[in-house]
Amino acid sequence: MIAVAKKSGFGKVLKRLRQKAELTQSELADLAKISGAALSRIENSEREPSWDTLLRLARALNVPISEFDTGEDPRKDDEAG
């Protein structure tokens, strides 16, 4: 399961992949057909991407979705509560 929870570090993974691709936020947003503001919120862990947005980002970065896996299980937070 791919961890895409707010505490998972997804935004950091996304930012690292974007920088590795040598893209600005604006360039990646254009390629993924999302707003620059949405991309910024995702990178700053202020928002979780929808499945559609996740697919768009993977395609724009030319990486498999598994590249976004932070190795954390988001269900752990649910089980603790």
N, C-alpha and C. Protein backbone atom coordinates (compact mmCIF):
# COMPACT_ATOMS: atom_id res chain seq x y z
N MET A 1 0.84 -1.18 0.00
CA MET A 1 0.00 0.00 0.00
C MET A 1 0.89 1.25 0.00
N ILE A 2 0.53 2.22 -0.80
CA ILE A 2 1.31 3.44 -0.88
C ILE A 2 0.80 4.41 0.17
N ALA A 3 1.71 4.88 0.99
CA ALA A 3 1.35 5.82 2.05
C ALA A 3 1.26 7.22 1.46
N VAL A 4 0.11 7.82 1.54
CA VAL A 4 -0.07 9.17 1.03
C VAL A 4 -0.71 10.04 2.10
N ALA A 5 -0.55 9.65 3.33
CA ALA A 5 -1.13 10.41 4.43
C ALA A 5 -0.32 11.67 4.69
N LYS A 6 -0.95 12.62 5.36
CA LYS A 6 -0.32 13.91 5.63
C LYS A 6 1.00 13.75 6.37
N LYS A 7 1.08 12.81 7.29
CA LYS A 7 2.28 12.63 8.09
C LYS A 7 3.30 11.71 7.41
N SER A 8 2.99 11.23 6.22
CA SER A 8 3.83 10.23 5.59
C SER A 8 5.08 10.78 4.94
N GLY A 9 5.14 12.07 4.75
CA GLY A 9 6.30 12.64 4.07
C GLY A 9 6.13 12.65 2.56
N PHE A 10 4.90 12.45 2.08
CA PHE A 10 4.64 12.44 0.64
C PHE A 10 5.13 13.72 -0.01
N GLY A 11 4.87 14.86 0.62
CA GLY A 11 5.28 16.14 0.04
C GLY A 11 6.78 16.21 -0.17
N LYS A 12 7.53 15.68 0.79
CA LYS A 12 9.00 15.68 0.66
C LYS A 12 9.44 14.79 -0.48
N VAL A 13 8.79 13.63 -0.62
CA VAL A 13 9.12 12.72 -1.71
C VAL A 13 8.81 13.39 -3.05
N LEU A 14 7.65 14.02 -3.15
CA LEU A 14 7.27 14.71 -4.38
C LEU A 14 8.27 15.80 -4.72
N LYS A 15 8.64 16.59 -3.74
CA LYS A 15 9.59 17.68 -3.98
C LYS A 15 10.94 17.13 -4.46
N ARG A 16 11.40 16.04 -3.83
CA ARG A 16 12.67 15.43 -4.23
C ARG A 16 12.60 14.94 -5.68
N LEU A 17 11.49 14.29 -6.05
CA LEU A 17 11.34 13.81 -7.42
C LEU A 17 11.26 14.97 -8.41
N ARG A 18 10.57 16.04 -8.02
CA ARG A 18 10.47 17.22 -8.90
C ARG A 18 11.83 17.83 -9.12
N GLN A 19 12.59 17.99 -8.05
CA GLN A 19 13.93 18.58 -8.16
C GLN A 19 14.86 17.68 -8.96
N LYS A 20 14.74 16.37 -8.78
CA LYS A 20 15.55 15.42 -9.54
C LYS A 20 15.27 15.55 -11.03
N ALA A 21 14.01 15.83 -11.37
CA ALA A 21 13.62 16.02 -12.76
C ALA A 21 13.97 17.41 -13.27
N GLU A 22 14.54 18.23 -12.39
CA GLU A 22 14.93 19.61 -12.71
C GLU A 22 13.76 20.43 -13.22
N LEU A 23 12.63 20.32 -12.50
CA LEU A 23 11.43 21.07 -12.82
C LEU A 23 11.10 22.05 -11.71
N THR A 24 10.57 23.18 -12.08
CA THR A 24 10.04 24.10 -11.09
C THR A 24 8.63 23.63 -10.72
N GLN A 25 8.10 24.18 -9.65
CA GLN A 25 6.72 23.84 -9.28
C GLN A 25 5.77 24.20 -10.41
N SER A 26 5.98 25.34 -11.02
CA SER A 26 5.12 25.79 -12.09
C SER A 26 5.18 24.85 -13.29
N GLU A 27 6.37 24.41 -13.63
CA GLU A 27 6.53 23.49 -14.76
C GLU A 27 5.83 22.15 -14.49
N LEU A 28 6.03 21.62 -13.28
CA LEU A 28 5.39 20.35 -12.95
C LEU A 28 3.87 20.50 -12.91
N ALA A 29 3.41 21.59 -12.35
CA ALA A 29 1.96 21.83 -12.30
C ALA A 29 1.38 21.86 -13.71
N ASP A 30 2.06 22.53 -14.61
CA ASP A 30 1.59 22.59 -16.00
C ASP A 30 1.56 21.20 -16.63
N LEU A 31 2.63 20.44 -16.44
CA LEU A 31 2.71 19.09 -17.01
C LEU A 31 1.64 18.17 -16.44
N ALA A 32 1.35 18.32 -15.15
CA ALA A 32 0.37 17.47 -14.48
C ALA A 32 -1.05 18.01 -14.62
N LYS A 33 -1.17 19.19 -15.21
CA LYS A 33 -2.47 19.84 -15.40
C LYS A 33 -3.19 20.06 -14.06
N ILE A 34 -2.43 20.57 -13.08
CA ILE A 34 -3.00 20.98 -11.81
C ILE A 34 -2.53 22.41 -11.55
N SER A 35 -3.13 23.08 -10.60
CA SER A 35 -2.72 24.45 -10.32
C SER A 35 -1.41 24.46 -9.55
N GLY A 36 -0.67 25.53 -9.71
CA GLY A 36 0.57 25.70 -8.97
C GLY A 36 0.31 25.76 -7.47
N ALA A 37 -0.80 26.37 -7.10
CA ALA A 37 -1.16 26.46 -5.68
C ALA A 37 -1.43 25.07 -5.11
N ALA A 38 -2.11 24.22 -5.87
CA ALA A 38 -2.38 22.86 -5.40
C ALA A 38 -1.08 22.09 -5.22
N LEU A 39 -0.18 22.21 -6.17
CA LEU A 39 1.11 21.51 -6.07
C LEU A 39 1.88 22.00 -4.85
N SER A 40 1.89 23.29 -4.61
CA SER A 40 2.58 23.85 -3.46
C SER A 40 2.00 23.30 -2.16
N ARG A 41 0.67 23.23 -2.07
CA ARG A 41 0.03 22.71 -0.85
C ARG A 41 0.37 21.24 -0.64
N ILE A 42 0.46 20.49 -1.73
CA ILE A 42 0.81 19.07 -1.61
C ILE A 42 2.26 18.94 -1.14
N GLU A 43 3.16 19.68 -1.75
CA GLU A 43 4.58 19.61 -1.35
C GLU A 43 4.80 20.04 0.09
N ASN A 44 3.98 20.95 0.58
CA ASN A 44 4.11 21.45 1.94
C ASN A 44 3.26 20.68 2.94
N SER A 45 2.74 19.54 2.50
CA SER A 45 1.92 18.66 3.34
C SER A 45 0.69 19.35 3.93
N GLU A 46 0.17 20.31 3.20
CA GLU A 46 -1.05 20.99 3.61
C GLU A 46 -2.27 20.34 2.97
N ARG A 47 -2.02 19.49 2.00
CA ARG A 47 -3.11 18.84 1.27
C ARG A 47 -2.62 17.48 0.80
N GLU A 48 -3.52 16.51 0.78
CA GLU A 48 -3.21 15.19 0.23
C GLU A 48 -3.72 15.15 -1.20
N PRO A 49 -2.95 14.56 -2.11
CA PRO A 49 -3.41 14.48 -3.50
C PRO A 49 -4.51 13.44 -3.67
N SER A 50 -5.42 13.71 -4.57
CA SER A 50 -6.41 12.69 -4.93
C SER A 50 -5.70 11.62 -5.75
N TRP A 51 -6.37 10.51 -5.96
CA TRP A 51 -5.78 9.45 -6.77
C TRP A 51 -5.50 9.96 -8.18
N ASP A 52 -6.42 10.73 -8.74
CA ASP A 52 -6.24 11.29 -10.08
C ASP A 52 -5.01 12.21 -10.12
N THR A 53 -4.85 13.03 -9.11
CA THR A 53 -3.68 13.93 -9.05
C THR A 53 -2.40 13.13 -8.91
N LEU A 54 -2.43 12.09 -8.11
CA LEU A 54 -1.26 11.23 -7.95
C LEU A 54 -0.86 10.63 -9.30
N LEU A 55 -1.83 10.15 -10.06
CA LEU A 55 -1.54 9.60 -11.38
C LEU A 55 -0.97 10.65 -12.32
N ARG A 56 -1.54 11.84 -12.27
CA ARG A 56 -1.05 12.94 -13.13
C ARG A 56 0.39 13.30 -12.78
N LEU A 57 0.70 13.35 -11.49
CA LEU A 57 2.05 13.68 -11.07
C LEU A 57 3.04 12.61 -11.49
N ALA A 58 2.65 11.35 -11.36
CA ALA A 58 3.52 10.24 -11.76
C ALA A 58 3.80 10.31 -13.26
N ARG A 59 2.77 10.55 -14.04
CA ARG A 59 2.95 10.65 -15.49
C ARG A 59 3.83 11.84 -15.85
N ALA A 60 3.59 12.97 -15.22
CA ALA A 60 4.36 14.19 -15.52
C ALA A 60 5.83 14.01 -15.16
N LEU A 61 6.10 13.27 -14.10
CA LEU A 61 7.48 13.04 -13.67
C LEU A 61 8.09 11.80 -14.34
N ASN A 62 7.26 11.07 -15.08
CA ASN A 62 7.70 9.85 -15.76
C ASN A 62 8.27 8.84 -14.78
N VAL A 63 7.54 8.63 -13.68
CA VAL A 63 7.95 7.67 -12.66
C VAL A 63 6.77 6.77 -12.33
N PRO A 64 7.03 5.54 -11.89
CA PRO A 64 5.93 4.69 -11.44
C PRO A 64 5.36 5.23 -10.13
N ILE A 65 4.12 4.94 -9.88
CA ILE A 65 3.47 5.42 -8.65
C ILE A 65 4.23 4.95 -7.42
N SER A 66 4.86 3.80 -7.52
CA SER A 66 5.60 3.26 -6.37
C SER A 66 6.72 4.19 -5.92
N GLU A 67 7.17 5.10 -6.78
CA GLU A 67 8.21 6.07 -6.39
C GLU A 67 7.73 7.00 -5.28
N PHE A 68 6.42 7.15 -5.16
CA PHE A 68 5.87 8.03 -4.13
C PHE A 68 5.72 7.34 -2.78
N ASP A 69 5.96 6.03 -2.74
CA ASP A 69 5.78 5.27 -1.51
C ASP A 69 6.80 5.73 -0.48
N THR A 70 6.30 6.16 0.67
CA THR A 70 7.19 6.63 1.73
C THR A 70 7.58 5.50 2.68
N GLY A 71 7.01 4.32 2.45
CA GLY A 71 7.33 3.19 3.30
C GLY A 71 6.54 3.15 4.59
N GLU A 72 5.64 4.09 4.78
CA GLU A 72 4.83 4.14 5.99
C GLU A 72 3.42 3.68 5.68
N ASP A 73 2.79 3.08 6.65
CA ASP A 73 1.42 2.60 6.51
C ASP A 73 0.48 3.61 7.15
N PRO A 74 -0.34 4.32 6.35
CA PRO A 74 -1.21 5.35 6.92
C PRO A 74 -2.26 4.78 7.87
N ARG A 75 -2.49 3.48 7.82
CA ARG A 75 -3.47 2.86 8.71
C ARG A 75 -2.99 2.84 10.15
N LYS A 76 -1.70 2.98 10.39
CA LYS A 76 -1.17 2.97 11.75
C LYS A 76 -1.80 4.06 12.60
N ASP A 77 -1.98 5.26 12.02
CA ASP A 77 -2.59 6.36 12.76
C ASP A 77 -4.04 6.04 13.10
N ASP A 78 -4.76 5.37 12.17
CA ASP A 78 -6.16 5.02 12.40
C ASP A 78 -6.29 3.99 13.51
N GLU A 79 -5.35 3.05 13.57
CA GLU A 79 -5.42 1.98 14.56
C GLU A 79 -5.09 2.49 15.97
N ALA A 80 -4.27 3.54 16.04
CA ALA A 80 -3.87 4.06 17.35
C ALA A 80 -5.02 4.78 18.04
N GLY A 81 -5.96 5.35 17.25
CA GLY A 81 -7.03 6.15 17.80
C GLY A 81 -8.09 5.35 18.39
